[in-house]
Amino acid sequence: MKNSGKVILALVIALTAFGVVGCTKATTQADTTTTTATGPLAGKTLVVATDAPYPPMEMVKDDGSFEGFDVDIMTAAAKEAGAQVQFKTSGFDALIAAMGATGGDFDCAVSSITITPERQENMLFSDPYFNANQSLAVPSDSTIASTDNITKGMKVAVQLGTTGEIWANKNLKPKGIEIKSYDQIPGCFGALSAGDVDAIVADFQVTSDYAKDTTRKAKIVQQISTGEQYGIAFPKGSDAEVKAINDGLKKIKENGTYAKYYKTWFGVEPETIP
């Protein structure tokens, strides 16, 4: 038995030596193929709130992943800063409230959010990444040609918490026009299709995208010049993240990435880049 133990011990030592060499080679190979993100937000994952569906800005695909202009711009800017992104859906009113507080479950929000002085009092914004206007959408057989044709007693749909809602309440409500707020844009177009409202006031690029679908029987009759600009929103105290994303936005505007995504989603080159 003692002799057998020595033989076994010798075999174990030999096998262990070979095993150590094998493990060393495998570890070295893994190390050489590992890449490390660089940038001020290296290794960080930003949880991003977005109000989808809002085509062509943010949408959820059948597999649960996100796509759209806002999604591509946020992802590209974060990548330049060394960060990854995780998108989660949120109602627009809720994500604005979250950014105006501590952020809740989110680090930031990208959802065609217009930079306004009122919002800047409660949250931080990145540099602008999109120039936008409001628009007036009506049924395809409507005789309404502009907001001048919307008169007392008529009803206009808007999305809750948006600058479209703010504009309509300021410019149309005083004329005796009823402003009806819906949680999301599909609700506005559903109301228009059902005859519950006479028109919709909402972001031009979004109403244009919805009106392309002939089954909705809607048309855009007016672009309302409001001179708005969109920014990525952050809770106060996120100064480092804002600076990193601003640097990322600057890079993608300069290297052609911004123009590429703009043409992908809108079919034309951007006339101006903020």
C-alpha atoms as a PDB file:
ATOM      1  CA  MET A   1       0.000   0.000   0.000  1.00  0.00           C
ATOM      2  CA  LYS A   2       2.787   2.436   0.829  1.00  0.00           C
ATOM      3  CA  ASN A   3       4.481   1.744  -2.519  1.00  0.00           C
ATOM      4  CA  SER A   4       1.125   2.228  -4.378  1.00  0.00           C
ATOM      5  CA  GLY A   5       0.679   5.544  -2.563  1.00  0.00           C
ATOM      6  CA  LYS A   6       4.034   6.767  -3.805  1.00  0.00           C
ATOM      7  CA  VAL A   7       3.166   5.870  -7.395  1.00  0.00           C
ATOM      8  CA  ILE A   8      -0.157   7.635  -7.137  1.00  0.00           C
ATOM      9  CA  LEU A   9       1.514  10.681  -5.575  1.00  0.00           C
ATOM     10  CA  ALA A  10       4.011  10.826  -8.423  1.00  0.00           C
ATOM     11  CA  LEU A  11       1.201  10.632 -10.993  1.00  0.00           C
ATOM     12  CA  VAL A  12      -0.739  13.398  -9.252  1.00  0.00           C
ATOM     13  CA  ILE A  13       2.318  15.656  -9.221  1.00  0.00           C
ATOM     14  CA  ALA A  14       2.915  15.034 -12.936  1.00  0.00           C
ATOM     15  CA  LEU A  15      -0.698  15.629 -13.897  1.00  0.00           C
ATOM     16  CA  THR A  16      -0.841  18.763 -11.769  1.00  0.00           C
ATOM     17  CA  ALA A  17       2.200  20.171 -13.543  1.00  0.00           C
ATOM     18  CA  PHE A  18       0.566  19.616 -16.946  1.00  0.00           C
ATOM     19  CA  GLY A  19      -2.673  21.077 -15.666  1.00  0.00           C
ATOM     20  CA  VAL A  20      -0.981  24.234 -14.472  1.00  0.00           C
ATOM     21  CA  VAL A  21       0.646  24.756 -17.859  1.00  0.00           C
ATOM     22  CA  GLY A  22      -2.703  24.216 -19.605  1.00  0.00           C
ATOM     23  CA  CYS A  23      -4.483  26.698 -17.356  1.00  0.00           C
ATOM     24  CA  THR A  24      -1.781  29.294 -17.859  1.00  0.00           C
ATOM     25  CA  LYS A  25      -2.110  29.126 -21.647  1.00  0.00           C
ATOM     26  CA  ALA A  26      -5.933  29.406 -21.503  1.00  0.00           C
ATOM     27  CA  THR A  27      -5.788  32.410 -19.173  1.00  0.00           C
ATOM     28  CA  THR A  28      -3.256  34.183 -21.353  1.00  0.00           C
ATOM     29  CA  GLN A  29      -5.382  33.620 -24.460  1.00  0.00           C
ATOM     30  CA  ALA A  30      -8.500  35.026 -22.735  1.00  0.00           C
ATOM     31  CA  ASP A  31      -6.601  38.069 -21.522  1.00  0.00           C
ATOM     32  CA  THR A  32      -5.294  38.901 -24.998  1.00  0.00           C
ATOM     33  CA  THR A  33      -8.800  38.865 -26.486  1.00  0.00           C
ATOM     34  CA  THR A  34     -10.427  41.035 -23.798  1.00  0.00           C
ATOM     35  CA  THR A  35     -11.138  44.667 -24.740  1.00  0.00           C
ATOM     36  CA  THR A  36     -11.650  47.428 -22.224  1.00  0.00           C
ATOM     37  CA  ALA A  37     -13.834  50.490 -22.837  1.00  0.00           C
ATOM     38  CA  THR A  38     -12.125  53.840 -22.485  1.00  0.00           C
ATOM     39  CA  GLY A  39     -13.563  57.252 -21.741  1.00  0.00           C
ATOM     40  CA  PRO A  40     -14.836  59.260 -18.776  1.00  0.00           C
ATOM     41  CA  LEU A  41     -17.740  56.821 -18.240  1.00  0.00           C
ATOM     42  CA  ALA A  42     -15.750  53.651 -18.939  1.00  0.00           C
ATOM     43  CA  GLY A  43     -17.428  50.541 -17.546  1.00  0.00           C
ATOM     44  CA  LYS A  44     -20.653  52.376 -16.640  1.00  0.00           C
ATOM     45  CA  THR A  45     -24.108  51.375 -17.863  1.00  0.00           C
ATOM     46  CA  LEU A  46     -26.557  54.255 -18.147  1.00  0.00           C
ATOM     47  CA  VAL A  47     -30.186  53.296 -17.570  1.00  0.00           C
ATOM     48  CA  VAL A  48     -32.092  55.503 -20.010  1.00  0.00           C
ATOM     49  CA  ALA A  49     -35.800  56.331 -19.788  1.00  0.00           C
ATOM     50  CA  THR A  50     -37.707  56.775 -23.052  1.00  0.00           C
ATOM     51  CA  ASP A  51     -41.351  57.133 -23.966  1.00  0.00           C
ATOM     52  CA  ALA A  52     -41.954  54.569 -26.709  1.00  0.00           C
ATOM     53  CA  PRO A  53     -43.747  54.278 -29.084  1.00  0.00           C
ATOM     54  CA  TYR A  54     -42.803  57.641 -30.559  1.00  0.00           C
ATOM     55  CA  PRO A  55     -41.642  56.873 -34.124  1.00  0.00           C
ATOM     56  CA  PRO A  56     -39.258  57.599 -35.677  1.00  0.00           C
ATOM     57  CA  MET A  57     -37.545  58.812 -32.492  1.00  0.00           C
ATOM     58  CA  GLU A  58     -37.995  55.820 -30.164  1.00  0.00           C
ATOM     59  CA  MET A  59     -39.728  52.495 -30.731  1.00  0.00           C
ATOM     60  CA  VAL A  60     -39.754  48.994 -29.245  1.00  0.00           C
ATOM     61  CA  LYS A  61     -39.233  46.160 -31.727  1.00  0.00           C
ATOM     62  CA  ASP A  62     -40.994  42.795 -31.529  1.00  0.00           C
ATOM     63  CA  ASP A  63     -37.983  41.267 -29.766  1.00  0.00           C
ATOM     64  CA  GLY A  64     -38.139  43.922 -27.022  1.00  0.00           C
ATOM     65  CA  SER A  65     -35.099  45.892 -28.195  1.00  0.00           C
ATOM     66  CA  PHE A  66     -35.208  49.612 -28.940  1.00  0.00           C
ATOM     67  CA  GLU A  67     -34.639  51.559 -32.144  1.00  0.00           C
ATOM     68  CA  GLY A  68     -35.089  55.081 -33.478  1.00  0.00           C
ATOM     69  CA  PHE A  69     -33.182  58.330 -33.968  1.00  0.00           C
ATOM     70  CA  ASP A  70     -33.041  59.205 -30.257  1.00  0.00           C
ATOM     71  CA  VAL A  71     -31.934  55.655 -29.447  1.00  0.00           C
ATOM     72  CA  ASP A  72     -29.106  55.732 -32.001  1.00  0.00           C
ATOM     73  CA  ILE A  73     -27.874  59.183 -30.937  1.00  0.00           C
ATOM     74  CA  MET A  74     -27.899  58.296 -27.222  1.00  0.00           C
ATOM     75  CA  THR A  75     -26.132  54.989 -27.856  1.00  0.00           C
ATOM     76  CA  ALA A  76     -23.449  56.582 -30.045  1.00  0.00           C
ATOM     77  CA  ALA A  77     -22.748  59.473 -27.659  1.00  0.00           C
ATOM     78  CA  ALA A  78     -22.528  57.096 -24.685  1.00  0.00           C
ATOM     79  CA  LYS A  79     -20.168  54.816 -26.611  1.00  0.00           C
ATOM     80  CA  GLU A  80     -17.822  57.734 -27.253  1.00  0.00           C
ATOM     81  CA  ALA A  81     -17.813  58.312 -23.473  1.00  0.00           C
ATOM     82  CA  GLY A  82     -17.038  54.631 -22.824  1.00  0.00           C
ATOM     83  CA  ALA A  83     -20.488  53.745 -21.464  1.00  0.00           C
ATOM     84  CA  GLN A  84     -23.160  51.252 -22.403  1.00  0.00           C
ATOM     85  CA  VAL A  85     -26.871  52.029 -22.358  1.00  0.00           C
ATOM     86  CA  GLN A  86     -29.942  50.165 -21.160  1.00  0.00           C
ATOM     87  CA  PHE A  87     -33.238  51.603 -22.369  1.00  0.00           C
ATOM     88  CA  LYS A  88     -36.462  51.297 -20.377  1.00  0.00           C
ATOM     89  CA  THR A  89     -39.917  52.578 -21.271  1.00  0.00           C
ATOM     90  CA  SER A  90     -41.629  55.260 -19.210  1.00  0.00           C
ATOM     91  CA  GLY A  91     -44.565  57.583 -19.709  1.00  0.00           C
ATOM     92  CA  PHE A  92     -43.366  61.011 -20.794  1.00  0.00           C
ATOM     93  CA  ASP A  93     -44.897  62.814 -17.822  1.00  0.00           C
ATOM     94  CA  ALA A  94     -43.314  60.260 -15.462  1.00  0.00           C
ATOM     95  CA  LEU A  95     -39.823  60.502 -16.926  1.00  0.00           C
ATOM     96  CA  ILE A  96     -39.922  64.304 -16.748  1.00  0.00           C
ATOM     97  CA  ALA A  97     -40.911  64.014 -13.082  1.00  0.00           C
ATOM     98  CA  ALA A  98     -38.103  61.509 -12.465  1.00  0.00           C
ATOM     99  CA  MET A  99     -35.456  63.767 -14.044  1.00  0.00           C
ATOM    100  CA  GLY A 100     -36.771  66.662 -11.968  1.00  0.00           C
ATOM    101  CA  ALA A 101     -36.248  64.644  -8.802  1.00  0.00           C
ATOM    102  CA  THR A 102     -33.430  62.164  -8.134  1.00  0.00           C
ATOM    103  CA  GLY A 103     -33.848  60.140 -11.315  1.00  0.00           C
ATOM    104  CA  GLY A 104     -35.504  57.187  -9.622  1.00  0.00           C
ATOM    105  CA  ASP A 105     -34.578  54.031 -11.541  1.00  0.00           C
ATOM    106  CA  PHE A 106     -33.038  56.059 -14.377  1.00  0.00           C
ATOM    107  CA  ASP A 107     -29.709  57.797 -14.938  1.00  0.00           C
ATOM    108  CA  CYS A 108     -31.043  59.985 -17.743  1.00  0.00           C
ATOM    109  CA  ALA A 109     -33.823  60.294 -20.305  1.00  0.00           C
ATOM    110  CA  VAL A 110     -33.875  60.693 -24.078  1.00  0.00           C
ATOM    111  CA  SER A 111     -37.349  61.088 -25.524  1.00  0.00           C
ATOM    112  CA  SER A 112     -37.559  64.156 -27.787  1.00  0.00           C
ATOM    113  CA  ILE A 113     -37.408  66.330 -24.671  1.00  0.00           C
ATOM    114  CA  THR A 114     -37.483  70.035 -25.474  1.00  0.00           C
ATOM    115  CA  ILE A 115     -35.088  72.144 -23.447  1.00  0.00           C
ATOM    116  CA  THR A 116     -37.128  74.826 -21.660  1.00  0.00           C
ATOM    117  CA  PRO A 117     -36.241  77.333 -18.907  1.00  0.00           C
ATOM    118  CA  GLU A 118     -38.870  75.736 -16.644  1.00  0.00           C
ATOM    119  CA  ARG A 119     -37.375  72.272 -17.025  1.00  0.00           C
ATOM    120  CA  GLN A 120     -33.838  73.614 -16.592  1.00  0.00           C
ATOM    121  CA  GLU A 121     -34.812  74.789 -13.127  1.00  0.00           C
ATOM    122  CA  ASN A 122     -35.354  71.175 -12.057  1.00  0.00           C
ATOM    123  CA  MET A 123     -32.954  69.098 -14.161  1.00  0.00           C
ATOM    124  CA  LEU A 124     -29.783  69.194 -16.249  1.00  0.00           C
ATOM    125  CA  PHE A 125     -29.663  68.991 -20.041  1.00  0.00           C
ATOM    126  CA  SER A 126     -27.026  67.957 -22.523  1.00  0.00           C
ATOM    127  CA  ASP A 127     -26.200  70.239 -25.418  1.00  0.00           C
ATOM    128  CA  PRO A 128     -29.012  70.301 -28.015  1.00  0.00           C
ATOM    129  CA  TYR A 129     -29.031  67.419 -30.489  1.00  0.00           C
ATOM    130  CA  PHE A 130     -32.155  68.162 -32.569  1.00  0.00           C
ATOM    131  CA  ASN A 131     -33.969  71.208 -33.972  1.00  0.00           C
ATOM    132  CA  ALA A 132     -37.749  70.765 -33.853  1.00  0.00           C
ATOM    133  CA  ASN A 133     -41.128  72.374 -34.481  1.00  0.00           C
ATOM    134  CA  GLN A 134     -44.732  71.500 -33.679  1.00  0.00           C
ATOM    135  CA  SER A 135     -47.295  70.615 -36.340  1.00  0.00           C
ATOM    136  CA  LEU A 136     -51.026  70.418 -36.957  1.00  0.00           C
ATOM    137  CA  ALA A 137     -52.459  67.072 -38.078  1.00  0.00           C
ATOM    138  CA  VAL A 138     -56.090  66.683 -39.201  1.00  0.00           C
ATOM    139  CA  PRO A 139     -58.249  63.979 -40.845  1.00  0.00           C
ATOM    140  CA  SER A 140     -57.383  63.502 -44.521  1.00  0.00           C
ATOM    141  CA  ASP A 141     -60.828  64.768 -45.580  1.00  0.00           C
ATOM    142  CA  SER A 142     -60.769  67.814 -43.264  1.00  0.00           C
ATOM    143  CA  THR A 143     -61.064  71.347 -44.618  1.00  0.00           C
ATOM    144  CA  ILE A 144     -58.869  72.710 -41.804  1.00  0.00           C
ATOM    145  CA  ALA A 145     -55.767  74.263 -43.374  1.00  0.00           C
ATOM    146  CA  SER A 146     -54.121  75.860 -40.321  1.00  0.00           C
ATOM    147  CA  THR A 147     -54.680  76.672 -36.664  1.00  0.00           C
ATOM    148  CA  ASP A 148     -56.556  79.781 -37.856  1.00  0.00           C
ATOM    149  CA  ASN A 149     -59.375  77.466 -38.969  1.00  0.00           C
ATOM    150  CA  ILE A 150     -59.736  75.873 -35.533  1.00  0.00           C
ATOM    151  CA  THR A 151     -62.556  77.700 -33.819  1.00  0.00           C
ATOM    152  CA  LYS A 152     -64.451  77.782 -30.539  1.00  0.00           C
ATOM    153  CA  GLY A 153     -65.973  74.435 -29.587  1.00  0.00           C
ATOM    154  CA  MET A 154     -63.501  72.333 -31.564  1.00  0.00           C
ATOM    155  CA  LYS A 155     -61.255  69.762 -29.870  1.00  0.00           C
ATOM    156  CA  VAL A 156     -57.516  69.307 -30.246  1.00  0.00           C
ATOM    157  CA  ALA A 157     -55.515  66.293 -29.036  1.00  0.00           C
ATOM    158  CA  VAL A 158     -52.054  66.657 -27.475  1.00  0.00           C
ATOM    159  CA  GLN A 159     -49.682  64.386 -25.592  1.00  0.00           C
ATOM    160  CA  LEU A 160     -49.603  64.860 -21.837  1.00  0.00           C
ATOM    161  CA  GLY A 161     -46.621  66.808 -20.500  1.00  0.00           C
ATOM    162  CA  THR A 162     -45.255  67.855 -23.897  1.00  0.00           C
ATOM    163  CA  THR A 163     -44.456  71.250 -25.361  1.00  0.00           C
ATOM    164  CA  GLY A 164     -47.258  70.576 -27.840  1.00  0.00           C
ATOM    165  CA  GLU A 165     -49.646  70.552 -24.895  1.00  0.00           C
ATOM    166  CA  ILE A 166     -48.078  73.751 -23.547  1.00  0.00           C
ATOM    167  CA  TRP A 167     -48.377  75.487 -26.938  1.00  0.00           C
ATOM    168  CA  ALA A 168     -52.012  74.423 -27.410  1.00  0.00           C
ATOM    169  CA  ASN A 169     -53.029  75.534 -23.917  1.00  0.00           C
ATOM    170  CA  LYS A 170     -51.371  78.905 -24.482  1.00  0.00           C
ATOM    171  CA  ASN A 171     -52.506  79.599 -28.038  1.00  0.00           C
ATOM    172  CA  LEU A 172     -55.725  77.637 -28.613  1.00  0.00           C
ATOM    173  CA  LYS A 173     -57.441  77.183 -25.255  1.00  0.00           C
ATOM    174  CA  PRO A 174     -58.048  80.949 -24.774  1.00  0.00           C
ATOM    175  CA  LYS A 175     -60.120  80.855 -27.987  1.00  0.00           C
ATOM    176  CA  GLY A 176     -62.565  78.400 -26.424  1.00  0.00           C
ATOM    177  CA  ILE A 177     -60.958  75.337 -28.038  1.00  0.00           C
ATOM    178  CA  GLU A 178     -60.962  72.202 -25.886  1.00  0.00           C
ATOM    179  CA  ILE A 179     -57.511  70.647 -25.356  1.00  0.00           C
ATOM    180  CA  LYS A 180     -57.638  66.892 -24.745  1.00  0.00           C
ATOM    181  CA  SER A 181     -54.455  65.297 -23.351  1.00  0.00           C
ATOM    182  CA  TYR A 182     -53.491  61.670 -24.005  1.00  0.00           C
ATOM    183  CA  ASP A 183     -50.701  59.627 -22.453  1.00  0.00           C
ATOM    184  CA  GLN A 184     -49.123  58.740 -25.802  1.00  0.00           C
ATOM    185  CA  ILE A 185     -49.246  59.769 -29.463  1.00  0.00           C
ATOM    186  CA  PRO A 186     -51.127  56.605 -30.563  1.00  0.00           C
ATOM    187  CA  GLY A 187     -53.964  57.754 -28.308  1.00  0.00           C
ATOM    188  CA  CYS A 188     -54.053  61.121 -30.100  1.00  0.00           C
ATOM    189  CA  PHE A 189     -54.309  59.502 -33.525  1.00  0.00           C
ATOM    190  CA  GLY A 190     -56.847  57.002 -32.233  1.00  0.00           C
ATOM    191  CA  ALA A 191     -59.027  59.889 -31.065  1.00  0.00           C
ATOM    192  CA  LEU A 192     -58.609  61.642 -34.425  1.00  0.00           C
ATOM    193  CA  SER A 193     -59.596  58.483 -36.309  1.00  0.00           C
ATOM    194  CA  ALA A 194     -62.640  57.965 -34.074  1.00  0.00           C
ATOM    195  CA  GLY A 195     -63.794  61.554 -34.605  1.00  0.00           C
ATOM    196  CA  ASP A 196     -63.337  62.452 -30.941  1.00  0.00           C
ATOM    197  CA  VAL A 197     -61.077  65.384 -31.826  1.00  0.00           C
ATOM    198  CA  ASP A 198     -60.731  67.706 -34.824  1.00  0.00           C
ATOM    199  CA  ALA A 199     -56.924  67.958 -34.885  1.00  0.00           C
ATOM    200  CA  ILE A 200     -53.637  67.058 -33.205  1.00  0.00           C
ATOM    201  CA  VAL A 201     -50.800  69.361 -32.158  1.00  0.00           C
ATOM    202  CA  ALA A 202     -47.539  67.429 -31.718  1.00  0.00           C
ATOM    203  CA  ASP A 203     -43.899  67.272 -32.815  1.00  0.00           C
ATOM    204  CA  PHE A 204     -43.618  67.579 -36.593  1.00  0.00           C
ATOM    205  CA  GLN A 205     -41.318  64.617 -37.211  1.00  0.00           C
ATOM    206  CA  VAL A 206     -43.584  62.288 -35.238  1.00  0.00           C
ATOM    207  CA  THR A 207     -46.908  63.348 -36.770  1.00  0.00           C
ATOM    208  CA  SER A 208     -45.285  63.129 -40.209  1.00  0.00           C
ATOM    209  CA  ASP A 209     -44.249  59.550 -39.534  1.00  0.00           C
ATOM    210  CA  TYR A 210     -47.724  58.580 -38.320  1.00  0.00           C
ATOM    211  CA  ALA A 211     -49.432  60.308 -41.264  1.00  0.00           C
ATOM    212  CA  LYS A 212     -47.430  58.168 -43.720  1.00  0.00           C
ATOM    213  CA  ASP A 213     -49.660  55.257 -42.732  1.00  0.00           C
ATOM    214  CA  THR A 214     -52.678  55.708 -45.020  1.00  0.00           C
ATOM    215  CA  THR A 215     -54.872  53.580 -42.737  1.00  0.00           C
ATOM    216  CA  ARG A 216     -54.786  56.440 -40.218  1.00  0.00           C
ATOM    217  CA  LYS A 217     -56.392  58.764 -42.791  1.00  0.00           C
ATOM    218  CA  ALA A 218     -54.532  61.809 -41.465  1.00  0.00           C
ATOM    219  CA  LYS A 219     -52.527  64.612 -43.030  1.00  0.00           C
ATOM    220  CA  ILE A 220     -50.179  67.362 -41.878  1.00  0.00           C
ATOM    221  CA  VAL A 221     -51.470  70.796 -42.877  1.00  0.00           C
ATOM    222  CA  GLN A 222     -49.162  73.111 -40.950  1.00  0.00           C
ATOM    223  CA  GLN A 223     -45.721  73.159 -39.400  1.00  0.00           C
ATOM    224  CA  ILE A 224     -45.847  75.418 -36.351  1.00  0.00           C
ATOM    225  CA  SER A 225     -42.540  77.223 -35.927  1.00  0.00           C
ATOM    226  CA  THR A 226     -41.552  77.082 -32.264  1.00  0.00           C
ATOM    227  CA  GLY A 227     -37.741  76.991 -32.525  1.00  0.00           C
ATOM    228  CA  GLU A 228     -37.457  74.088 -30.084  1.00  0.00           C
ATOM    229  CA  GLN A 229     -34.326  72.039 -29.418  1.00  0.00           C
ATOM    230  CA  TYR A 230     -34.132  68.590 -27.852  1.00  0.00           C
ATOM    231  CA  GLY A 231     -31.641  67.606 -25.175  1.00  0.00           C
ATOM    232  CA  ILE A 232     -30.811  64.538 -23.098  1.00  0.00           C
ATOM    233  CA  ALA A 233     -32.128  65.091 -19.563  1.00  0.00           C
ATOM    234  CA  PHE A 234     -30.297  64.224 -16.329  1.00  0.00           C
ATOM    235  CA  PRO A 235     -31.132  64.682 -12.643  1.00  0.00           C
ATOM    236  CA  LYS A 236     -29.284  67.534 -10.956  1.00  0.00           C
ATOM    237  CA  GLY A 237     -25.924  66.439  -9.621  1.00  0.00           C
ATOM    238  CA  SER A 238     -25.069  64.519 -12.814  1.00  0.00           C
ATOM    239  CA  ASP A 239     -22.542  67.107 -14.000  1.00  0.00           C
ATOM    240  CA  ALA A 240     -19.828  64.552 -14.844  1.00  0.00           C
ATOM    241  CA  GLU A 241     -22.241  62.460 -16.911  1.00  0.00           C
ATOM    242  CA  VAL A 242     -23.554  65.536 -18.752  1.00  0.00           C
ATOM    243  CA  LYS A 243     -20.024  66.661 -19.654  1.00  0.00           C
ATOM    244  CA  ALA A 244     -19.096  63.188 -20.892  1.00  0.00           C
ATOM    245  CA  ILE A 245     -22.229  62.915 -23.045  1.00  0.00           C
ATOM    246  CA  ASN A 246     -21.703  66.442 -24.390  1.00  0.00           C
ATOM    247  CA  ASP A 247     -18.213  65.430 -25.497  1.00  0.00           C
ATOM    248  CA  GLY A 248     -19.700  62.328 -27.103  1.00  0.00           C
ATOM    249  CA  LEU A 249     -22.355  64.367 -28.927  1.00  0.00           C
ATOM    250  CA  LYS A 250     -19.683  66.758 -30.208  1.00  0.00           C
ATOM    251  CA  LYS A 251     -17.661  63.860 -31.617  1.00  0.00           C
ATOM    252  CA  ILE A 252     -20.566  62.185 -33.423  1.00  0.00           C
ATOM    253  CA  LYS A 253     -21.640  65.518 -34.920  1.00  0.00           C
ATOM    254  CA  GLU A 254     -18.107  66.035 -36.253  1.00  0.00           C
ATOM    255  CA  ASN A 255     -17.322  62.504 -37.482  1.00  0.00           C
ATOM    256  CA  GLY A 256     -20.448  62.030 -39.611  1.00  0.00           C
ATOM    257  CA  THR A 257     -22.284  59.625 -37.297  1.00  0.00           C
ATOM    258  CA  TYR A 258     -25.032  62.152 -36.531  1.00  0.00           C
ATOM    259  CA  ALA A 259     -25.685  62.875 -40.229  1.00  0.00           C
ATOM    260  CA  LYS A 260     -25.751  59.137 -40.989  1.00  0.00           C
ATOM    261  CA  TYR A 261     -28.444  58.425 -38.403  1.00  0.00           C
ATOM    262  CA  TYR A 262     -30.411  61.532 -39.413  1.00  0.00           C
ATOM    263  CA  LYS A 263     -30.586  60.327 -43.024  1.00  0.00           C
ATOM    264  CA  THR A 264     -31.445  56.799 -41.883  1.00  0.00           C
ATOM    265  CA  TRP A 265     -34.530  57.936 -39.978  1.00  0.00           C
ATOM    266  CA  PHE A 266     -35.655  61.030 -41.929  1.00  0.00           C
ATOM    267  CA  GLY A 267     -34.500  60.190 -45.453  1.00  0.00           C
ATOM    268  CA  VAL A 268     -32.620  63.454 -45.985  1.00  0.00           C
ATOM    269  CA  GLU A 269     -29.419  65.130 -44.889  1.00  0.00           C
ATOM    270  CA  PRO A 270     -29.835  67.469 -41.907  1.00  0.00           C
ATOM    271  CA  GLU A 271     -30.201  71.104 -42.974  1.00  0.00           C
ATOM    272  CA  THR A 272     -28.530  72.150 -39.738  1.00  0.00           C
ATOM    273  CA  ILE A 273     -26.889  70.322 -36.845  1.00  0.00           C
ATOM    274  CA  PRO A 274     -27.378  71.956 -33.435  1.00  0.00           C
END
